[in-house]
Amino acid sequence: MSTCLRCTHFLEAGTNPTSSPPGLYRRIDNVGLCRRSPPIWIADPDDEDGGGFCFPTIHEQHSCGDFKPRISI
């Protein structure tokens, strides 16, 4: 079975959502971002913008059924 780790839509080494500066983001091993669909709005009443757009965070061994293999060059 094909997993997200081998999918073209998967961006490895996703970070946890935070309003801290990018240098303070924490890497979560075996987790990444799924870019298969456009980012979704996540409301955050504490944020001055009211939230932000984010790609879903997903484990690399997940399989959603929309697998598209990466192309080797």
N, C-alpha and C. Protein backbone atom coordinates (compact mmCIF):
# COMPACT_ATOMS: atom_id res chain seq x y z
N MET A 1 0.84 -1.19 0.00
CA MET A 1 0.00 0.00 0.00
C MET A 1 0.89 1.26 0.00
N SER A 2 0.53 2.25 -0.75
CA SER A 2 1.28 3.50 -0.84
C SER A 2 0.90 4.44 0.29
N THR A 3 1.90 5.01 0.92
CA THR A 3 1.66 5.91 2.06
C THR A 3 2.01 7.34 1.69
N CYS A 4 1.64 8.25 2.55
CA CYS A 4 1.88 9.67 2.30
C CYS A 4 3.36 10.00 2.12
N LEU A 5 4.23 9.26 2.79
CA LEU A 5 5.67 9.53 2.68
C LEU A 5 6.15 9.50 1.24
N ARG A 6 5.55 8.67 0.40
CA ARG A 6 5.96 8.52 -1.00
C ARG A 6 5.09 9.32 -1.97
N CYS A 7 4.21 10.17 -1.44
CA CYS A 7 3.27 10.92 -2.28
C CYS A 7 3.82 12.31 -2.62
N THR A 8 3.52 12.76 -3.83
CA THR A 8 3.97 14.07 -4.28
C THR A 8 3.33 15.22 -3.51
N HIS A 9 2.17 14.99 -2.92
CA HIS A 9 1.46 16.04 -2.18
C HIS A 9 2.00 16.23 -0.76
N PHE A 10 2.83 15.30 -0.30
CA PHE A 10 3.29 15.30 1.09
C PHE A 10 4.57 16.13 1.23
N LEU A 11 4.57 17.06 2.16
CA LEU A 11 5.76 17.86 2.47
C LEU A 11 6.29 17.39 3.81
N GLU A 12 7.47 16.76 3.79
CA GLU A 12 8.04 16.19 5.01
C GLU A 12 8.42 17.27 6.01
N ALA A 13 8.53 16.85 7.27
CA ALA A 13 8.98 17.71 8.38
C ALA A 13 8.04 18.88 8.62
N GLY A 14 6.77 18.58 8.75
CA GLY A 14 5.80 19.61 9.09
C GLY A 14 6.09 20.21 10.45
N THR A 15 5.57 21.36 10.70
CA THR A 15 5.76 22.01 12.00
C THR A 15 4.42 22.17 12.67
N ASN A 16 4.46 22.31 13.98
CA ASN A 16 3.21 22.51 14.70
C ASN A 16 2.71 23.93 14.47
N PRO A 17 1.40 24.13 14.39
CA PRO A 17 0.88 25.48 14.19
C PRO A 17 1.15 26.34 15.41
N THR A 18 1.68 27.52 15.18
CA THR A 18 2.00 28.43 16.26
C THR A 18 2.07 29.84 15.70
N SER A 19 1.88 30.81 16.54
CA SER A 19 2.00 32.20 16.10
C SER A 19 3.38 32.75 16.42
N SER A 20 4.28 31.89 16.89
CA SER A 20 5.65 32.30 17.19
C SER A 20 6.42 32.53 15.89
N PRO A 21 7.53 33.23 15.96
CA PRO A 21 8.36 33.43 14.76
C PRO A 21 8.82 32.08 14.20
N PRO A 22 9.06 31.99 12.89
CA PRO A 22 9.42 30.71 12.26
C PRO A 22 10.62 30.03 12.92
N GLY A 23 11.55 30.78 13.44
CA GLY A 23 12.72 30.18 14.09
C GLY A 23 12.38 29.38 15.33
N LEU A 24 11.20 29.60 15.89
CA LEU A 24 10.80 28.89 17.10
C LEU A 24 9.90 27.69 16.81
N TYR A 25 9.60 27.43 15.53
CA TYR A 25 8.76 26.28 15.19
C TYR A 25 9.46 25.00 15.61
N ARG A 26 8.68 24.04 16.03
CA ARG A 26 9.21 22.77 16.50
C ARG A 26 8.95 21.70 15.44
N ARG A 27 9.99 21.00 15.04
CA ARG A 27 9.83 19.93 14.07
C ARG A 27 9.22 18.72 14.76
N ILE A 28 8.29 18.06 14.07
CA ILE A 28 7.66 16.85 14.59
C ILE A 28 8.07 15.72 13.65
N ASP A 29 8.85 14.78 14.15
CA ASP A 29 9.32 13.67 13.31
C ASP A 29 8.16 12.80 12.84
N ASN A 30 8.30 12.27 11.64
CA ASN A 30 7.32 11.38 11.01
C ASN A 30 6.00 12.07 10.69
N VAL A 31 6.00 13.39 10.67
CA VAL A 31 4.80 14.16 10.38
C VAL A 31 5.13 15.16 9.28
N GLY A 32 4.14 15.46 8.45
CA GLY A 32 4.33 16.43 7.39
C GLY A 32 3.02 17.12 7.06
N LEU A 33 3.04 17.87 5.97
CA LEU A 33 1.86 18.60 5.54
C LEU A 33 1.33 17.98 4.26
N CYS A 34 0.01 17.83 4.18
CA CYS A 34 -0.63 17.32 2.96
C CYS A 34 -1.08 18.51 2.13
N ARG A 35 -0.52 18.64 0.93
CA ARG A 35 -0.86 19.76 0.05
C ARG A 35 -1.75 19.34 -1.11
N ARG A 36 -2.50 18.25 -0.91
CA ARG A 36 -3.41 17.74 -1.95
C ARG A 36 -4.53 18.73 -2.25
N SER A 37 -5.02 19.39 -1.22
CA SER A 37 -6.11 20.37 -1.35
C SER A 37 -5.61 21.73 -0.89
N PRO A 38 -6.32 22.80 -1.23
CA PRO A 38 -5.90 24.13 -0.75
C PRO A 38 -5.90 24.18 0.78
N PRO A 39 -5.09 25.07 1.35
CA PRO A 39 -5.08 25.19 2.81
C PRO A 39 -6.46 25.59 3.34
N ILE A 40 -6.72 25.21 4.58
CA ILE A 40 -8.00 25.52 5.21
C ILE A 40 -7.81 26.62 6.24
N TRP A 41 -8.87 27.38 6.50
CA TRP A 41 -8.83 28.46 7.48
C TRP A 41 -8.97 27.88 8.88
N ILE A 42 -8.05 28.23 9.75
CA ILE A 42 -8.09 27.84 11.16
C ILE A 42 -8.31 29.10 11.97
N ALA A 43 -9.48 29.21 12.58
CA ALA A 43 -9.79 30.40 13.38
C ALA A 43 -8.99 30.40 14.68
N ASP A 44 -8.47 31.56 15.05
CA ASP A 44 -7.74 31.72 16.30
C ASP A 44 -8.09 33.09 16.86
N PRO A 45 -8.97 33.14 17.86
CA PRO A 45 -9.41 34.43 18.40
C PRO A 45 -8.28 35.23 19.04
N ASP A 46 -7.17 34.56 19.40
CA ASP A 46 -6.05 35.27 20.02
C ASP A 46 -5.12 35.91 18.99
N ASP A 47 -5.27 35.54 17.73
CA ASP A 47 -4.43 36.09 16.66
C ASP A 47 -5.02 37.40 16.18
N GLU A 48 -4.18 38.39 15.88
CA GLU A 48 -4.70 39.69 15.45
C GLU A 48 -5.44 39.61 14.11
N ASP A 49 -5.11 38.60 13.29
CA ASP A 49 -5.81 38.41 12.02
C ASP A 49 -7.03 37.50 12.17
N GLY A 50 -7.23 36.94 13.34
CA GLY A 50 -8.37 36.06 13.57
C GLY A 50 -8.13 34.61 13.19
N GLY A 51 -6.91 34.28 12.77
CA GLY A 51 -6.58 32.91 12.38
C GLY A 51 -5.61 32.89 11.23
N GLY A 52 -5.55 31.77 10.55
CA GLY A 52 -4.64 31.64 9.42
C GLY A 52 -4.98 30.44 8.57
N PHE A 53 -4.41 30.40 7.38
CA PHE A 53 -4.61 29.28 6.47
C PHE A 53 -3.51 28.25 6.71
N CYS A 54 -3.89 26.97 6.82
CA CYS A 54 -2.94 25.91 7.10
C CYS A 54 -3.25 24.68 6.28
N PHE A 55 -2.19 23.97 5.87
CA PHE A 55 -2.37 22.65 5.28
C PHE A 55 -2.52 21.66 6.42
N PRO A 56 -3.30 20.58 6.23
CA PRO A 56 -3.46 19.59 7.29
C PRO A 56 -2.13 18.91 7.63
N THR A 57 -1.89 18.70 8.90
CA THR A 57 -0.72 17.96 9.37
C THR A 57 -1.10 16.48 9.42
N ILE A 58 -0.22 15.63 8.90
CA ILE A 58 -0.56 14.22 8.78
C ILE A 58 0.68 13.35 9.00
N HIS A 59 0.48 12.16 9.51
CA HIS A 59 1.58 11.22 9.74
C HIS A 59 2.02 10.63 8.41
N GLU A 60 3.33 10.38 8.26
CA GLU A 60 3.85 9.89 6.98
C GLU A 60 3.38 8.50 6.60
N GLN A 61 2.89 7.72 7.54
CA GLN A 61 2.41 6.37 7.23
C GLN A 61 0.91 6.32 6.91
N HIS A 62 0.26 7.48 6.91
CA HIS A 62 -1.17 7.55 6.58
C HIS A 62 -1.36 7.27 5.09
N SER A 63 -2.54 6.86 4.72
CA SER A 63 -2.89 6.66 3.31
C SER A 63 -4.33 7.12 3.11
N CYS A 64 -4.52 8.15 2.28
CA CYS A 64 -5.85 8.73 2.12
C CYS A 64 -6.61 8.21 0.91
N GLY A 65 -5.93 7.57 -0.02
CA GLY A 65 -6.59 7.07 -1.22
C GLY A 65 -6.38 7.95 -2.44
N ASP A 66 -5.79 9.14 -2.25
CA ASP A 66 -5.49 10.03 -3.38
C ASP A 66 -3.99 10.07 -3.64
N PHE A 67 -3.33 8.94 -3.48
CA PHE A 67 -1.89 8.84 -3.64
C PHE A 67 -1.46 9.19 -5.06
N LYS A 68 -0.41 9.99 -5.18
CA LYS A 68 0.20 10.31 -6.46
C LYS A 68 1.71 10.17 -6.28
N PRO A 69 2.35 9.21 -6.95
CA PRO A 69 3.77 8.94 -6.71
C PRO A 69 4.67 10.12 -7.08
N ARG A 70 5.74 10.25 -6.34
CA ARG A 70 6.74 11.28 -6.65
C ARG A 70 7.47 10.88 -7.91
N ILE A 71 7.90 11.86 -8.68
CA ILE A 71 8.62 11.60 -9.92
C ILE A 71 10.10 11.79 -9.67
N SER A 72 10.90 10.80 -10.02
CA SER A 72 12.35 10.90 -9.90
C SER A 72 12.92 11.51 -11.16
N ILE A 73 13.83 12.46 -10.99
CA ILE A 73 14.44 13.10 -12.17
C ILE A 73 15.87 12.65 -12.29
